[in-house]
Amino acid sequence: MSTGWIITIVVIVVITAILAVLYFLGKKAQKKQNEQQALMEENKQTVSMLIIDKKRMKMKDSGLPQIVIDQTPKLMRGSKLPIVKAKVGPQIVSLVSDEKIFDSIPVKKEVKATVSGIYILGVKGLHGKAQAAPAKKKGWFRRTLEKAQEKAGAKPIK
């Protein structure tokens, strides 16, 4: 056997081993996430709150309790989270929002929110109509492409 075949076989074995490890780690992480989701669904409650502000900010700048920051893995502490400052009863608290609903949370409005601990799972408008998510800004490339198509007389791409 030539050295080329030996190297190819070794590379295939290493790639197979890496894929197997990633498969089992992903399966374990999925199981853990399902358990956490079930626990959050079990402990959720509906609360009326006035949304003061919402931002994506780093965990250390968010105003969350120190114990929450200490329990977070070190790699996650630098990432930005969707943080909502809200008045719940007489207190002003910082809450972490679900990424899916963050854009639909209205600012400076009173809402009924489904909360589990410091995590907002869902929001419903209390007064008036629910606010739709704002339209996404067009990037430089998209604007330039549309201008070029207008000058050429072609239909713009949506």
Protein backbone atom coordinates (compact mmCIF):
# COMPACT_ATOMS: atom_id res chain seq x y z
CA MET A 1 0.00 0.00 0.00
CA SER A 2 1.26 3.44 -0.83
CA THR A 3 1.47 6.28 1.65
CA GLY A 4 -1.28 8.16 -0.22
CA TRP A 5 -3.81 5.45 0.57
CA ILE A 6 -2.74 5.28 4.22
CA ILE A 7 -3.15 9.04 4.60
CA THR A 8 -6.58 8.92 2.92
CA ILE A 9 -7.77 6.11 5.20
CA VAL A 10 -6.50 7.93 8.33
CA VAL A 11 -8.25 11.16 7.26
CA ILE A 12 -11.53 9.30 6.62
CA VAL A 13 -11.32 7.59 10.04
CA VAL A 14 -10.63 10.92 11.80
CA ILE A 15 -13.51 12.67 10.00
CA THR A 16 -15.86 9.79 10.85
CA ALA A 17 -14.85 9.96 14.52
CA ILE A 18 -15.41 13.73 14.61
CA LEU A 19 -18.85 13.38 13.01
CA ALA A 20 -19.83 10.66 15.50
CA VAL A 21 -18.76 12.82 18.46
CA LEU A 22 -20.68 15.83 17.08
CA TYR A 23 -23.78 13.68 16.56
CA PHE A 24 -23.83 12.46 20.15
CA LEU A 25 -23.07 15.92 21.57
CA GLY A 26 -25.89 17.41 19.49
CA LYS A 27 -28.29 14.72 20.66
CA LYS A 28 -27.34 15.41 24.29
CA ALA A 29 -27.75 19.19 23.84
CA GLN A 30 -31.17 18.71 22.19
CA LYS A 31 -32.34 16.55 25.09
CA LYS A 32 -31.13 19.15 27.60
CA GLN A 33 -32.90 21.96 25.69
CA ASN A 34 -36.17 20.00 25.61
CA GLU A 35 -35.99 19.48 29.39
CA GLN A 36 -35.36 23.20 29.97
CA GLN A 37 -38.22 24.17 27.64
CA ALA A 38 -40.60 21.84 29.50
CA LEU A 39 -39.49 23.33 32.83
CA MET A 40 -40.09 26.88 31.55
CA GLU A 41 -43.54 25.95 30.22
CA GLU A 42 -44.36 24.42 33.60
CA ASN A 43 -43.36 27.57 35.54
CA LYS A 44 -44.75 30.27 33.25
CA GLN A 45 -47.19 32.89 34.49
CA THR A 46 -48.95 35.89 32.97
CA VAL A 47 -47.93 39.32 34.27
CA SER A 48 -49.05 42.83 33.39
CA MET A 49 -46.08 45.14 32.81
CA LEU A 50 -45.12 48.50 31.33
CA ILE A 51 -42.23 48.15 28.88
CA ILE A 52 -39.76 50.98 29.45
CA ASP A 53 -36.92 50.08 27.11
CA LYS A 54 -35.53 47.21 25.07
CA LYS A 55 -32.02 46.69 23.72
CA ARG A 56 -29.58 44.01 22.74
CA MET A 57 -26.73 44.34 25.20
CA LYS A 58 -23.96 42.36 26.82
CA MET A 59 -24.87 40.45 29.93
CA LYS A 60 -22.54 42.40 32.25
CA ASP A 61 -24.10 45.73 31.14
CA SER A 62 -27.70 44.47 31.26
CA GLY A 63 -28.56 45.03 34.91
CA LEU A 64 -29.41 41.38 35.51
CA PRO A 65 -28.81 40.03 39.03
CA GLN A 66 -25.17 39.11 39.74
CA ILE A 67 -26.09 35.51 40.55
CA VAL A 68 -27.51 35.09 37.02
CA ILE A 69 -24.30 36.45 35.49
CA ASP A 70 -22.16 34.15 37.68
CA GLN A 71 -24.14 31.05 36.65
CA THR A 72 -23.76 31.80 32.94
CA PRO A 73 -20.91 30.06 31.06
CA LYS A 74 -17.91 32.34 30.45
CA LEU A 75 -18.29 32.17 26.66
CA MET A 76 -21.90 33.42 26.84
CA ARG A 77 -21.11 36.44 29.03
CA GLY A 78 -19.69 38.42 26.11
CA SER A 79 -22.58 37.75 23.73
CA LYS A 80 -25.45 40.20 23.36
CA LEU A 81 -28.87 39.28 24.71
CA PRO A 82 -32.30 40.83 24.04
CA ILE A 83 -32.86 42.71 27.33
CA VAL A 84 -36.17 44.37 28.25
CA LYS A 85 -36.49 46.91 31.07
CA ALA A 86 -40.02 46.81 32.42
CA LYS A 87 -42.05 48.10 35.35
CA VAL A 88 -43.75 45.14 37.01
CA GLY A 89 -45.90 46.44 39.84
CA PRO A 90 -43.82 49.01 41.75
CA GLN A 91 -40.46 47.55 40.66
CA ILE A 92 -38.35 48.20 37.57
CA VAL A 93 -36.71 44.96 36.48
CA SER A 94 -34.46 43.75 33.68
CA LEU A 95 -35.77 40.70 31.86
CA VAL A 96 -34.34 38.53 29.09
CA SER A 97 -36.64 38.19 26.08
CA ASP A 98 -37.02 35.27 23.70
CA GLU A 99 -35.24 36.16 20.46
CA LYS A 100 -38.35 35.28 18.39
CA ILE A 101 -40.61 37.83 20.11
CA PHE A 102 -38.09 40.60 20.84
CA ASP A 103 -38.96 42.67 17.76
CA SER A 104 -42.70 42.49 18.46
CA ILE A 105 -42.44 43.90 22.00
CA PRO A 106 -43.83 47.47 21.99
CA VAL A 107 -41.82 50.12 23.87
CA LYS A 108 -43.57 52.48 26.33
CA LYS A 109 -46.77 50.42 26.30
CA GLU A 110 -48.51 48.25 28.83
CA VAL A 111 -48.60 44.56 27.89
CA LYS A 112 -49.56 41.19 29.28
CA ALA A 113 -46.43 39.05 29.17
CA THR A 114 -45.93 35.36 29.76
CA VAL A 115 -42.89 35.15 32.03
CA SER A 116 -40.89 32.28 33.47
CA GLY A 117 -38.42 33.63 36.05
CA ILE A 118 -36.55 36.45 34.30
CA TYR A 119 -37.33 35.14 30.81
CA ILE A 120 -40.16 36.58 28.67
CA LEU A 121 -41.80 33.83 26.62
CA GLY A 122 -44.65 35.77 24.99
CA VAL A 123 -46.29 39.21 24.81
CA LYS A 124 -49.85 40.39 24.12
CA GLY A 125 -50.89 44.02 23.82
CA LEU A 126 -53.14 45.24 26.62
CA HIS A 127 -54.42 48.48 25.10
CA GLY A 128 -54.87 49.03 21.39
CA LYS A 129 -53.70 46.83 18.56
CA ALA A 130 -50.63 44.64 18.64
CA GLN A 131 -47.67 46.27 17.00
CA ALA A 132 -46.25 44.51 13.96
CA ALA A 133 -42.51 44.01 13.64
CA PRO A 134 -40.87 46.97 11.89
CA ALA A 135 -39.80 46.49 8.28
CA LYS A 136 -36.19 45.41 7.92
CA LYS A 137 -33.81 48.06 6.58
CA LYS A 138 -32.52 47.55 3.09
CA GLY A 139 -28.80 47.05 2.79
CA TRP A 140 -26.49 49.06 0.56
CA PHE A 141 -26.34 46.33 -2.10
CA ARG A 142 -30.15 45.96 -2.26
CA ARG A 143 -30.68 49.77 -2.58
CA THR A 144 -28.05 50.04 -5.30
CA LEU A 145 -29.53 47.10 -7.20
CA GLU A 146 -33.04 48.64 -7.07
CA LYS A 147 -31.75 52.03 -8.28
CA ALA A 148 -29.97 50.38 -11.19
CA GLN A 149 -33.11 48.45 -12.12
CA GLU A 150 -35.24 51.61 -11.97
CA LYS A 151 -32.87 53.38 -14.36
CA ALA A 152 -32.89 50.37 -16.69
CA GLY A 153 -36.70 50.22 -16.56
CA ALA A 154 -36.85 46.66 -15.20
CA LYS A 155 -39.15 45.45 -12.44
CA PRO A 156 -37.53 45.68 -9.00
CA ILE A 157 -36.79 42.42 -7.16
CA LYS A 158 -38.63 42.00 -3.88
